[in-house]
Amino acid sequence: EFDVSDDELEETVLRINFSYPSSSSSSDDEKGSSALTAVQKYTNSFPFAAVLPVQPLTYLPVNMSNGNPALKVTFLRKKTAEKGSMDGGMLFTSRLVSEEDYDNDNNDVGNGALLDDNNNSNYKKGIELTARRITKGQTVSKIFSEKLMILAFVKGLSEQRGKDVLVEGGNVEVDSVFHLWM
C-alpha cells in the first residue's frame, strides 16, 4: 500500500531544476545521491505551517506508487458529517534527471542514458523538484494558500538556511524555477 497514487494529483504548480557539479573524486551516483538528499532535506524541513499560521495543515513524508519518497502537505478542516477532515493539499517530489530524459520540447520521455566510449553519460545531470496540486476532498479552492506556500518555498532557497542545505549537498544550484504565479 502506497500513501499517494498518481490519480490523486492534479496540475503541477511548481517545478525547480537543480544542478550539481560533477567531480573526479567521487562517482556521479554519489554526487547525485548527495545532491538529491539535500533537496529532499530542504523540502522536508521547510516550515510550511509558519507560512500559513491560520491554515491547519500537516506535512508528512510519504511514498509514491513508484516507491520514490515525497512530502505531502495536507490542508485540514473541521470534520463534519458531510465532509472529511482533509481539504486537498500539495505533493512535493524530487528525482534525479539528465538531459536525455527530455525531448526538444522539454517533454519527459524517460530514456536511458547514452554512454560514450568510456561508459560515461554525455548528458548534464540534475534534480527536478515538482509540487503538484491535490484537490481530493477540497470543497473550496486553496489557490491563495498554495500561492503563499510556493512563493515562500522558492524564496527560502535564496535565504541563508536554504543556501546552506544546498551547499552541504555538494554545491547544489538552482537552474530554473517555474510556478503558476510567475
N, C-alpha and C. Protein backbone atom coordinates (compact mmCIF):
# COMPACT_ATOMS: atom_id res chain seq x y z
N GLU A 1 0.85 -1.20 0.00
CA GLU A 1 0.00 0.00 0.00
C GLU A 1 0.89 1.25 0.00
N PHE A 2 0.63 2.15 -0.95
CA PHE A 2 1.40 3.38 -1.02
C PHE A 2 0.53 4.54 -0.54
N ASP A 3 1.19 5.55 -0.02
CA ASP A 3 0.49 6.67 0.57
C ASP A 3 -0.17 7.58 -0.46
N VAL A 4 0.42 7.67 -1.65
CA VAL A 4 -0.09 8.59 -2.66
C VAL A 4 -0.07 7.89 -4.01
N SER A 5 -1.18 8.01 -4.74
CA SER A 5 -1.21 7.46 -6.09
C SER A 5 -1.33 8.62 -7.08
N ASP A 6 -0.90 8.37 -8.31
CA ASP A 6 -0.89 9.42 -9.32
C ASP A 6 -2.28 9.97 -9.63
N ASP A 7 -3.33 9.16 -9.43
CA ASP A 7 -4.68 9.65 -9.76
C ASP A 7 -5.20 10.69 -8.78
N GLU A 8 -4.52 10.87 -7.64
CA GLU A 8 -4.90 11.92 -6.69
C GLU A 8 -4.37 13.29 -7.11
N LEU A 9 -3.37 13.29 -8.00
CA LEU A 9 -2.63 14.51 -8.30
C LEU A 9 -3.21 15.27 -9.48
N GLU A 10 -3.20 16.58 -9.36
CA GLU A 10 -3.69 17.44 -10.43
C GLU A 10 -2.50 18.14 -11.06
N GLU A 11 -2.70 19.39 -11.48
CA GLU A 11 -1.67 20.10 -12.23
C GLU A 11 -0.43 20.41 -11.40
N THR A 12 0.68 20.58 -12.11
CA THR A 12 1.93 20.97 -11.49
C THR A 12 1.87 22.47 -11.19
N VAL A 13 2.13 22.84 -9.93
CA VAL A 13 2.12 24.25 -9.54
C VAL A 13 3.53 24.81 -9.38
N LEU A 14 4.53 23.91 -9.30
CA LEU A 14 5.92 24.34 -9.14
C LEU A 14 6.84 23.31 -9.77
N ARG A 15 7.85 23.80 -10.49
CA ARG A 15 8.93 22.93 -10.96
C ARG A 15 10.23 23.71 -10.80
N ILE A 16 11.18 23.10 -10.12
CA ILE A 16 12.51 23.69 -9.95
C ILE A 16 13.52 22.68 -10.46
N ASN A 17 14.43 23.14 -11.31
CA ASN A 17 15.53 22.30 -11.77
C ASN A 17 16.81 22.74 -11.06
N PHE A 18 17.47 21.76 -10.48
CA PHE A 18 18.73 21.99 -9.76
C PHE A 18 19.85 21.30 -10.53
N SER A 19 21.07 21.80 -10.36
CA SER A 19 22.24 21.12 -10.91
C SER A 19 23.28 20.98 -9.81
N TYR A 20 24.21 20.08 -10.04
CA TYR A 20 25.31 19.90 -9.11
C TYR A 20 26.57 19.62 -9.93
N PRO A 21 27.72 20.10 -9.45
CA PRO A 21 28.94 19.92 -10.23
C PRO A 21 29.38 18.46 -10.22
N SER A 22 29.91 18.01 -11.34
CA SER A 22 30.48 16.66 -11.35
C SER A 22 31.87 16.75 -10.72
N SER A 23 32.33 15.63 -10.22
CA SER A 23 33.59 15.63 -9.50
C SER A 23 34.40 14.40 -9.89
N SER A 24 35.69 14.57 -9.97
CA SER A 24 36.54 13.42 -10.28
C SER A 24 36.83 12.60 -9.02
N SER A 25 36.60 13.18 -7.85
CA SER A 25 36.93 12.47 -6.61
C SER A 25 35.83 11.50 -6.16
N SER A 26 34.60 11.69 -6.61
CA SER A 26 33.54 10.76 -6.24
C SER A 26 32.70 10.48 -7.48
N SER A 27 31.99 9.38 -7.45
CA SER A 27 31.21 8.98 -8.63
C SER A 27 30.02 9.91 -8.81
N ASP A 28 29.52 9.96 -10.05
CA ASP A 28 28.33 10.76 -10.34
C ASP A 28 27.14 10.29 -9.51
N ASP A 29 27.08 8.96 -9.27
CA ASP A 29 25.97 8.42 -8.48
C ASP A 29 26.02 8.95 -7.05
N GLU A 30 27.23 9.02 -6.47
CA GLU A 30 27.36 9.55 -5.11
C GLU A 30 27.00 11.02 -5.06
N LYS A 31 27.49 11.79 -6.05
CA LYS A 31 27.18 13.22 -6.11
C LYS A 31 25.68 13.43 -6.26
N GLY A 32 25.08 12.67 -7.15
CA GLY A 32 23.65 12.78 -7.39
C GLY A 32 22.84 12.43 -6.16
N SER A 33 23.24 11.36 -5.50
CA SER A 33 22.54 10.94 -4.29
C SER A 33 22.65 11.99 -3.19
N SER A 34 23.84 12.55 -3.03
CA SER A 34 24.06 13.58 -2.02
C SER A 34 23.26 14.85 -2.35
N ALA A 35 23.24 15.22 -3.62
CA ALA A 35 22.50 16.41 -4.05
C ALA A 35 21.00 16.21 -3.88
N LEU A 36 20.50 15.03 -4.26
CA LEU A 36 19.07 14.72 -4.10
C LEU A 36 18.69 14.74 -2.63
N THR A 37 19.54 14.19 -1.78
CA THR A 37 19.28 14.20 -0.33
C THR A 37 19.17 15.63 0.19
N ALA A 38 20.03 16.53 -0.32
CA ALA A 38 19.99 17.93 0.12
C ALA A 38 18.68 18.59 -0.28
N VAL A 39 18.22 18.35 -1.50
CA VAL A 39 16.95 18.92 -1.96
C VAL A 39 15.79 18.37 -1.12
N GLN A 40 15.83 17.06 -0.84
CA GLN A 40 14.77 16.46 -0.01
C GLN A 40 14.83 16.98 1.42
N LYS A 41 16.04 17.21 1.93
CA LYS A 41 16.18 17.75 3.29
C LYS A 41 15.57 19.15 3.37
N TYR A 42 15.87 19.97 2.38
CA TYR A 42 15.28 21.32 2.35
C TYR A 42 13.76 21.23 2.33
N THR A 43 13.23 20.39 1.45
CA THR A 43 11.78 20.24 1.32
C THR A 43 11.15 19.75 2.62
N ASN A 44 11.71 18.69 3.18
CA ASN A 44 11.13 18.08 4.38
C ASN A 44 11.24 18.97 5.62
N SER A 45 12.22 19.89 5.63
CA SER A 45 12.40 20.74 6.81
C SER A 45 11.79 22.14 6.62
N PHE A 46 11.18 22.38 5.45
CA PHE A 46 10.61 23.71 5.21
C PHE A 46 9.45 23.95 6.18
N PRO A 47 9.38 25.13 6.80
CA PRO A 47 8.33 25.40 7.81
C PRO A 47 7.00 25.84 7.17
N PHE A 48 6.31 24.91 6.52
CA PHE A 48 5.05 25.24 5.84
C PHE A 48 4.04 25.87 6.79
N ALA A 49 3.96 25.36 8.02
CA ALA A 49 2.98 25.88 8.99
C ALA A 49 3.23 27.34 9.33
N ALA A 50 4.49 27.77 9.30
CA ALA A 50 4.81 29.17 9.62
C ALA A 50 4.35 30.10 8.50
N VAL A 51 4.27 29.59 7.27
CA VAL A 51 3.82 30.40 6.14
C VAL A 51 2.33 30.68 6.23
N LEU A 52 1.59 29.68 6.70
CA LEU A 52 0.12 29.79 6.82
C LEU A 52 -0.30 29.49 8.25
N PRO A 53 -0.06 30.42 9.18
CA PRO A 53 -0.31 30.12 10.59
C PRO A 53 -1.79 29.89 10.92
N VAL A 54 -2.71 30.39 10.09
CA VAL A 54 -4.13 30.19 10.39
C VAL A 54 -4.70 28.96 9.70
N GLN A 55 -4.02 28.44 8.71
CA GLN A 55 -4.49 27.27 7.96
C GLN A 55 -3.98 25.99 8.63
N PRO A 56 -4.89 25.20 9.22
CA PRO A 56 -4.41 23.93 9.80
C PRO A 56 -3.93 23.01 8.67
N LEU A 57 -2.76 22.42 8.88
CA LEU A 57 -2.23 21.52 7.86
C LEU A 57 -1.28 20.52 8.48
N THR A 58 -1.03 19.47 7.74
CA THR A 58 0.01 18.51 8.12
C THR A 58 0.98 18.41 6.96
N TYR A 59 2.21 18.09 7.25
CA TYR A 59 3.16 17.76 6.18
C TYR A 59 3.96 16.56 6.64
N LEU A 60 3.83 15.49 5.85
CA LEU A 60 4.42 14.22 6.23
C LEU A 60 5.14 13.57 5.06
N PRO A 61 6.26 12.89 5.33
CA PRO A 61 6.91 12.12 4.26
C PRO A 61 6.00 10.96 3.87
N VAL A 62 5.90 10.71 2.57
CA VAL A 62 5.07 9.62 2.04
C VAL A 62 5.85 8.89 0.95
N ASN A 63 5.30 7.77 0.49
CA ASN A 63 5.89 7.05 -0.64
C ASN A 63 4.95 7.11 -1.82
N MET A 64 5.53 7.35 -2.99
CA MET A 64 4.75 7.35 -4.23
C MET A 64 4.54 5.91 -4.67
N SER A 65 3.63 5.72 -5.63
CA SER A 65 3.38 4.38 -6.15
C SER A 65 4.62 3.78 -6.81
N ASN A 66 5.55 4.63 -7.28
CA ASN A 66 6.79 4.13 -7.88
C ASN A 66 7.88 3.89 -6.83
N GLY A 67 7.55 4.08 -5.55
CA GLY A 67 8.50 3.82 -4.48
C GLY A 67 9.32 5.03 -4.07
N ASN A 68 9.27 6.12 -4.84
CA ASN A 68 10.06 7.30 -4.51
C ASN A 68 9.46 8.03 -3.31
N PRO A 69 10.33 8.59 -2.46
CA PRO A 69 9.83 9.37 -1.33
C PRO A 69 9.31 10.73 -1.80
N ALA A 70 8.37 11.28 -1.05
CA ALA A 70 7.79 12.58 -1.37
C ALA A 70 7.37 13.23 -0.06
N LEU A 71 6.91 14.47 -0.15
CA LEU A 71 6.37 15.17 1.02
C LEU A 71 4.95 15.61 0.67
N LYS A 72 4.00 15.17 1.48
CA LYS A 72 2.60 15.51 1.25
C LYS A 72 2.15 16.55 2.26
N VAL A 73 1.73 17.70 1.74
CA VAL A 73 1.18 18.76 2.57
C VAL A 73 -0.34 18.66 2.43
N THR A 74 -1.03 18.48 3.54
CA THR A 74 -2.48 18.31 3.52
C THR A 74 -3.14 19.46 4.27
N PHE A 75 -4.05 20.14 3.60
CA PHE A 75 -4.85 21.17 4.27
C PHE A 75 -5.95 20.47 5.06
N LEU A 76 -6.21 20.97 6.27
CA LEU A 76 -7.20 20.35 7.14
C LEU A 76 -8.36 21.30 7.40
N ARG A 77 -9.48 20.73 7.76
CA ARG A 77 -10.66 21.49 8.19
C ARG A 77 -11.38 20.67 9.25
N LYS A 78 -12.32 21.32 9.91
CA LYS A 78 -13.11 20.62 10.92
C LYS A 78 -13.98 19.57 10.23
N LYS A 79 -13.90 18.36 10.72
CA LYS A 79 -14.66 17.26 10.13
C LYS A 79 -16.14 17.42 10.44
N THR A 80 -16.97 17.18 9.42
CA THR A 80 -18.43 17.22 9.61
C THR A 80 -19.00 15.91 9.07
N ALA A 81 -20.32 15.74 9.23
CA ALA A 81 -20.98 14.54 8.71
C ALA A 81 -20.86 14.48 7.18
N GLU A 82 -20.86 15.64 6.53
CA GLU A 82 -20.81 15.69 5.06
C GLU A 82 -19.40 15.66 4.51
N LYS A 83 -18.45 16.22 5.25
CA LYS A 83 -17.09 16.38 4.74
C LYS A 83 -16.08 15.77 5.69
N GLY A 84 -15.04 15.21 5.11
CA GLY A 84 -13.94 14.67 5.92
C GLY A 84 -13.05 15.80 6.42
N SER A 85 -11.98 15.44 7.10
CA SER A 85 -11.09 16.45 7.68
C SER A 85 -10.02 16.94 6.69
N MET A 86 -9.85 16.22 5.55
CA MET A 86 -8.84 16.62 4.58
C MET A 86 -9.44 17.54 3.53
N ASP A 87 -8.69 18.61 3.21
CA ASP A 87 -9.20 19.64 2.29
C ASP A 87 -8.18 19.92 1.18
N GLY A 88 -7.73 18.84 0.54
CA GLY A 88 -6.75 19.00 -0.54
C GLY A 88 -5.35 19.19 0.00
N GLY A 89 -4.45 19.65 -0.88
CA GLY A 89 -3.07 19.88 -0.46
C GLY A 89 -2.13 19.92 -1.65
N MET A 90 -0.87 19.60 -1.38
CA MET A 90 0.15 19.57 -2.43
C MET A 90 1.13 18.43 -2.14
N LEU A 91 1.70 17.92 -3.21
CA LEU A 91 2.69 16.86 -3.09
C LEU A 91 3.99 17.33 -3.71
N PHE A 92 5.07 17.30 -2.92
CA PHE A 92 6.41 17.70 -3.37
C PHE A 92 7.22 16.44 -3.64
N THR A 93 7.70 16.30 -4.87
CA THR A 93 8.55 15.17 -5.23
C THR A 93 9.85 15.69 -5.82
N SER A 94 10.89 14.90 -5.71
CA SER A 94 12.16 15.25 -6.36
C SER A 94 12.80 13.97 -6.86
N ARG A 95 13.51 14.12 -7.97
CA ARG A 95 14.15 12.96 -8.58
C ARG A 95 15.38 13.40 -9.37
N LEU A 96 16.29 12.46 -9.54
CA LEU A 96 17.46 12.69 -10.38
C LEU A 96 17.02 12.61 -11.84
N VAL A 97 17.50 13.51 -12.65
CA VAL A 97 17.19 13.51 -14.07
C VAL A 97 18.46 13.84 -14.85
N SER A 98 18.43 13.57 -16.14
CA SER A 98 19.50 14.03 -17.01
C SER A 98 18.86 14.49 -18.31
N GLU A 99 19.60 15.20 -19.10
CA GLU A 99 19.04 15.81 -20.31
C GLU A 99 18.40 14.78 -21.24
N GLU A 100 18.88 13.52 -21.21
CA GLU A 100 18.32 12.54 -22.14
C GLU A 100 16.90 12.14 -21.73
N ASP A 101 16.45 12.55 -20.54
CA ASP A 101 15.08 12.25 -20.12
C ASP A 101 14.05 13.13 -20.82
N TYR A 102 14.49 14.12 -21.60
CA TYR A 102 13.59 15.08 -22.21
C TYR A 102 13.83 15.18 -23.70
N ASP A 103 12.75 15.42 -24.47
CA ASP A 103 12.92 15.67 -25.89
C ASP A 103 13.11 17.17 -26.11
N ASN A 104 13.13 17.62 -27.35
CA ASN A 104 13.41 19.02 -27.65
C ASN A 104 12.35 19.99 -27.13
N ASP A 105 11.15 19.48 -26.86
CA ASP A 105 10.07 20.33 -26.34
C ASP A 105 9.97 20.25 -24.83
N ASN A 106 11.00 19.68 -24.19
CA ASN A 106 11.07 19.54 -22.73
C ASN A 106 10.02 18.60 -22.17
N ASN A 107 9.58 17.62 -22.98
CA ASN A 107 8.65 16.60 -22.51
C ASN A 107 9.43 15.42 -21.96
N ASP A 108 8.99 14.89 -20.83
CA ASP A 108 9.66 13.77 -20.19
C ASP A 108 9.47 12.52 -21.06
N VAL A 109 10.56 11.93 -21.52
CA VAL A 109 10.47 10.72 -22.34
C VAL A 109 11.08 9.51 -21.64
N GLY A 110 11.79 9.74 -20.54
CA GLY A 110 12.26 8.65 -19.69
C GLY A 110 13.22 7.67 -20.35
N ASN A 111 14.04 8.10 -21.29
CA ASN A 111 15.02 7.22 -21.93
C ASN A 111 16.15 6.91 -20.97
N GLY A 112 16.86 5.84 -21.28
CA GLY A 112 18.07 5.53 -20.52
C GLY A 112 19.21 6.42 -20.99
N ALA A 113 20.26 6.46 -20.22
CA ALA A 113 21.40 7.33 -20.55
C ALA A 113 22.16 6.79 -21.75
N LEU A 114 22.61 7.68 -22.61
CA LEU A 114 23.50 7.31 -23.69
C LEU A 114 24.91 7.40 -23.16
N LEU A 115 25.72 6.38 -23.44
CA LEU A 115 27.07 6.35 -22.90
C LEU A 115 28.09 6.57 -24.00
N ASP A 116 29.20 7.24 -23.65
CA ASP A 116 30.29 7.40 -24.61
C ASP A 116 31.20 6.18 -24.52
N ASP A 117 32.36 6.23 -25.17
CA ASP A 117 33.27 5.09 -25.22
C ASP A 117 33.79 4.67 -23.85
N ASN A 118 33.79 5.58 -22.91
CA ASN A 118 34.28 5.28 -21.56
C ASN A 118 33.15 4.96 -20.59
N ASN A 119 31.97 4.65 -21.13
CA ASN A 119 30.78 4.37 -20.32
C ASN A 119 30.36 5.55 -19.46
N ASN A 120 30.65 6.76 -19.91
CA ASN A 120 30.22 7.96 -19.20
C ASN A 120 29.04 8.57 -19.94
N SER A 121 28.05 9.00 -19.21
CA SER A 121 26.93 9.68 -19.83
C SER A 121 27.39 11.06 -20.30
N ASN A 122 26.99 11.44 -21.49
CA ASN A 122 27.40 12.75 -22.00
C ASN A 122 26.31 13.79 -21.83
N TYR A 123 25.39 13.55 -20.92
CA TYR A 123 24.30 14.48 -20.66
C TYR A 123 24.49 15.15 -19.31
N LYS A 124 24.02 16.37 -19.21
CA LYS A 124 24.04 17.09 -17.95
C LYS A 124 23.05 16.41 -17.00
N LYS A 125 23.45 16.22 -15.77
CA LYS A 125 22.58 15.60 -14.79
C LYS A 125 22.09 16.66 -13.79
N GLY A 126 20.94 16.41 -13.22
CA GLY A 126 20.42 17.36 -12.26
C GLY A 126 19.30 16.74 -11.43
N ILE A 127 18.57 17.60 -10.76
CA ILE A 127 17.45 17.19 -9.92
C ILE A 127 16.24 18.01 -10.32
N GLU A 128 15.11 17.35 -10.41
CA GLU A 128 13.86 18.03 -10.71
C GLU A 128 12.95 17.91 -9.49
N LEU A 129 12.53 19.05 -8.98
CA LEU A 129 11.57 19.08 -7.88
C LEU A 129 10.25 19.58 -8.45
N THR A 130 9.17 18.89 -8.15
CA THR A 130 7.85 19.35 -8.58
C THR A 130 6.91 19.35 -7.39
N ALA A 131 5.98 20.28 -7.43
CA ALA A 131 4.88 20.32 -6.47
C ALA A 131 3.60 20.24 -7.29
N ARG A 132 2.77 19.27 -6.97
CA ARG A 132 1.51 19.11 -7.70
C ARG A 132 0.34 19.27 -6.75
N ARG A 133 -0.71 19.83 -7.27
CA ARG A 133 -1.92 20.11 -6.51
C ARG A 133 -2.69 18.81 -6.24
N ILE A 134 -3.21 18.69 -5.02
CA ILE A 134 -4.12 17.59 -4.67
C ILE A 134 -5.47 18.24 -4.37
N THR A 135 -6.47 17.94 -5.16
CA THR A 135 -7.79 18.54 -4.94
C THR A 135 -8.75 17.58 -4.23
N LYS A 136 -8.33 16.35 -4.01
CA LYS A 136 -9.18 15.37 -3.35
C LYS A 136 -9.64 15.91 -1.99
N GLY A 137 -10.95 15.93 -1.79
CA GLY A 137 -11.51 16.41 -0.53
C GLY A 137 -11.75 17.90 -0.47
N GLN A 138 -11.30 18.62 -1.51
CA GLN A 138 -11.44 20.08 -1.49
C GLN A 138 -12.86 20.50 -1.87
N THR A 139 -13.43 21.39 -1.08
CA THR A 139 -14.73 21.96 -1.43
C THR A 139 -14.56 23.41 -1.89
N VAL A 140 -13.51 24.06 -1.41
CA VAL A 140 -13.21 25.43 -1.81
C VAL A 140 -11.75 25.43 -2.29
N SER A 141 -11.49 26.08 -3.40
CA SER A 141 -10.13 26.14 -3.95
C SER A 141 -9.17 26.76 -2.93
N LYS A 142 -8.00 26.19 -2.85
CA LYS A 142 -6.97 26.67 -1.92
C LYS A 142 -5.88 27.43 -2.66
N ILE A 143 -6.21 28.07 -3.76
CA ILE A 143 -5.20 28.69 -4.62
C ILE A 143 -4.41 29.78 -3.89
N PHE A 144 -5.04 30.54 -3.02
CA PHE A 144 -4.32 31.58 -2.27
C PHE A 144 -3.30 30.95 -1.32
N SER A 145 -3.71 29.92 -0.60
CA SER A 145 -2.79 29.22 0.30
C SER A 145 -1.66 28.57 -0.48
N GLU A 146 -1.98 27.96 -1.61
CA GLU A 146 -0.95 27.35 -2.44
C GLU A 146 0.07 28.39 -2.90
N LYS A 147 -0.43 29.53 -3.33
CA LYS A 147 0.46 30.59 -3.82
C LYS A 147 1.42 31.03 -2.72
N LEU A 148 0.91 31.30 -1.52
CA LEU A 148 1.77 31.74 -0.41
C LEU A 148 2.83 30.70 -0.09
N MET A 149 2.44 29.42 -0.08
CA MET A 149 3.39 28.36 0.22
C MET A 149 4.47 28.25 -0.85
N ILE A 150 4.09 28.28 -2.11
CA ILE A 150 5.05 28.13 -3.21
C ILE A 150 6.01 29.32 -3.23
N LEU A 151 5.49 30.54 -3.11
CA LEU A 151 6.37 31.71 -3.13
C LEU A 151 7.35 31.69 -1.96
N ALA A 152 6.90 31.29 -0.78
CA ALA A 152 7.80 31.21 0.38
C ALA A 152 8.83 30.10 0.20
N PHE A 153 8.41 28.97 -0.36
CA PHE A 153 9.31 27.84 -0.60
C PHE A 153 10.44 28.25 -1.55
N VAL A 154 10.08 28.93 -2.63
CA VAL A 154 11.07 29.38 -3.62
C VAL A 154 11.99 30.44 -2.99
N LYS A 155 11.41 31.40 -2.28
CA LYS A 155 12.21 32.45 -1.64
C LYS A 155 13.20 31.85 -0.64
N GLY A 156 12.77 30.82 0.07
CA GLY A 156 13.63 30.19 1.07
C GLY A 156 14.90 29.59 0.50
N LEU A 157 14.87 29.23 -0.78
CA LEU A 157 16.08 28.67 -1.41
C LEU A 157 17.19 29.71 -1.52
N SER A 158 16.81 30.99 -1.57
CA SER A 158 17.83 32.04 -1.70
C SER A 158 18.20 32.65 -0.34
N GLU A 159 17.55 32.20 0.72
CA GLU A 159 17.89 32.66 2.06
C GLU A 159 18.98 31.78 2.65
N GLN A 160 19.61 32.22 3.73
CA GLN A 160 20.80 31.55 4.25
C GLN A 160 20.57 30.07 4.55
N ARG A 161 19.48 29.74 5.21
CA ARG A 161 19.24 28.35 5.58
C ARG A 161 19.13 27.46 4.33
N GLY A 162 18.40 27.94 3.34
CA GLY A 162 18.25 27.18 2.10
C GLY A 162 19.58 27.02 1.38
N LYS A 163 20.34 28.11 1.30
CA LYS A 163 21.67 28.04 0.66
C LYS A 163 22.57 27.05 1.38
N ASP A 164 22.56 27.08 2.72
CA ASP A 164 23.41 26.18 3.50
C ASP A 164 23.09 24.72 3.22
N VAL A 165 21.81 24.38 3.18
CA VAL A 165 21.40 22.99 2.92
C VAL A 165 21.88 22.55 1.54
N LEU A 166 21.74 23.42 0.54
CA LEU A 166 22.15 23.07 -0.82
C LEU A 166 23.68 22.95 -0.95
N VAL A 167 24.41 23.81 -0.24
CA VAL A 167 25.88 23.73 -0.27
C VAL A 167 26.34 22.43 0.37
N GLU A 168 25.71 22.05 1.50
CA GLU A 168 26.06 20.80 2.18
C GLU A 168 25.89 19.60 1.26
N GLY A 169 24.92 19.68 0.35
CA GLY A 169 24.65 18.57 -0.56
C GLY A 169 25.59 18.52 -1.75
N GLY A 170 26.63 19.31 -1.75
CA GLY A 170 27.60 19.27 -2.83
C GLY A 170 27.45 20.44 -3.79
N ASN A 171 27.21 21.62 -3.24
CA ASN A 171 27.07 22.84 -4.05
C ASN A 171 25.94 22.75 -5.08
N VAL A 172 24.80 22.31 -4.62
CA VAL A 172 23.62 22.23 -5.49
C VAL A 172 23.18 23.65 -5.82
N GLU A 173 22.85 23.90 -7.08
CA GLU A 173 22.41 25.22 -7.52
C GLU A 173 21.06 25.14 -8.18
N VAL A 174 20.29 26.22 -8.04
CA VAL A 174 19.01 26.33 -8.72
C VAL A 174 19.28 26.77 -10.15
N ASP A 175 18.83 25.98 -11.12
CA ASP A 175 19.00 26.32 -12.54
C ASP A 175 17.80 27.09 -13.07
N SER A 176 16.60 26.61 -12.73
CA SER A 176 15.39 27.27 -13.24
C SER A 176 14.24 27.03 -12.29
N VAL A 177 13.30 27.98 -12.29
CA VAL A 177 12.11 27.90 -11.45
C VAL A 177 10.91 28.25 -12.31
N PHE A 178 9.87 27.44 -12.21
CA PHE A 178 8.59 27.76 -12.83
C PHE A 178 7.51 27.53 -11.79
N HIS A 179 6.60 28.49 -11.65
CA HIS A 179 5.41 28.25 -10.84
C HIS A 179 4.25 29.04 -11.45
N LEU A 180 3.06 28.72 -11.03
CA LEU A 180 1.86 29.30 -11.63
C LEU A 180 1.74 30.80 -11.43
N TRP A 181 2.45 31.35 -10.46
CA TRP A 181 2.26 32.76 -10.11
C TRP A 181 3.42 33.64 -10.56
N MET A 182 4.12 33.23 -11.59
CA MET A 182 5.27 34.00 -12.09
C MET A 182 4.76 35.20 -12.87
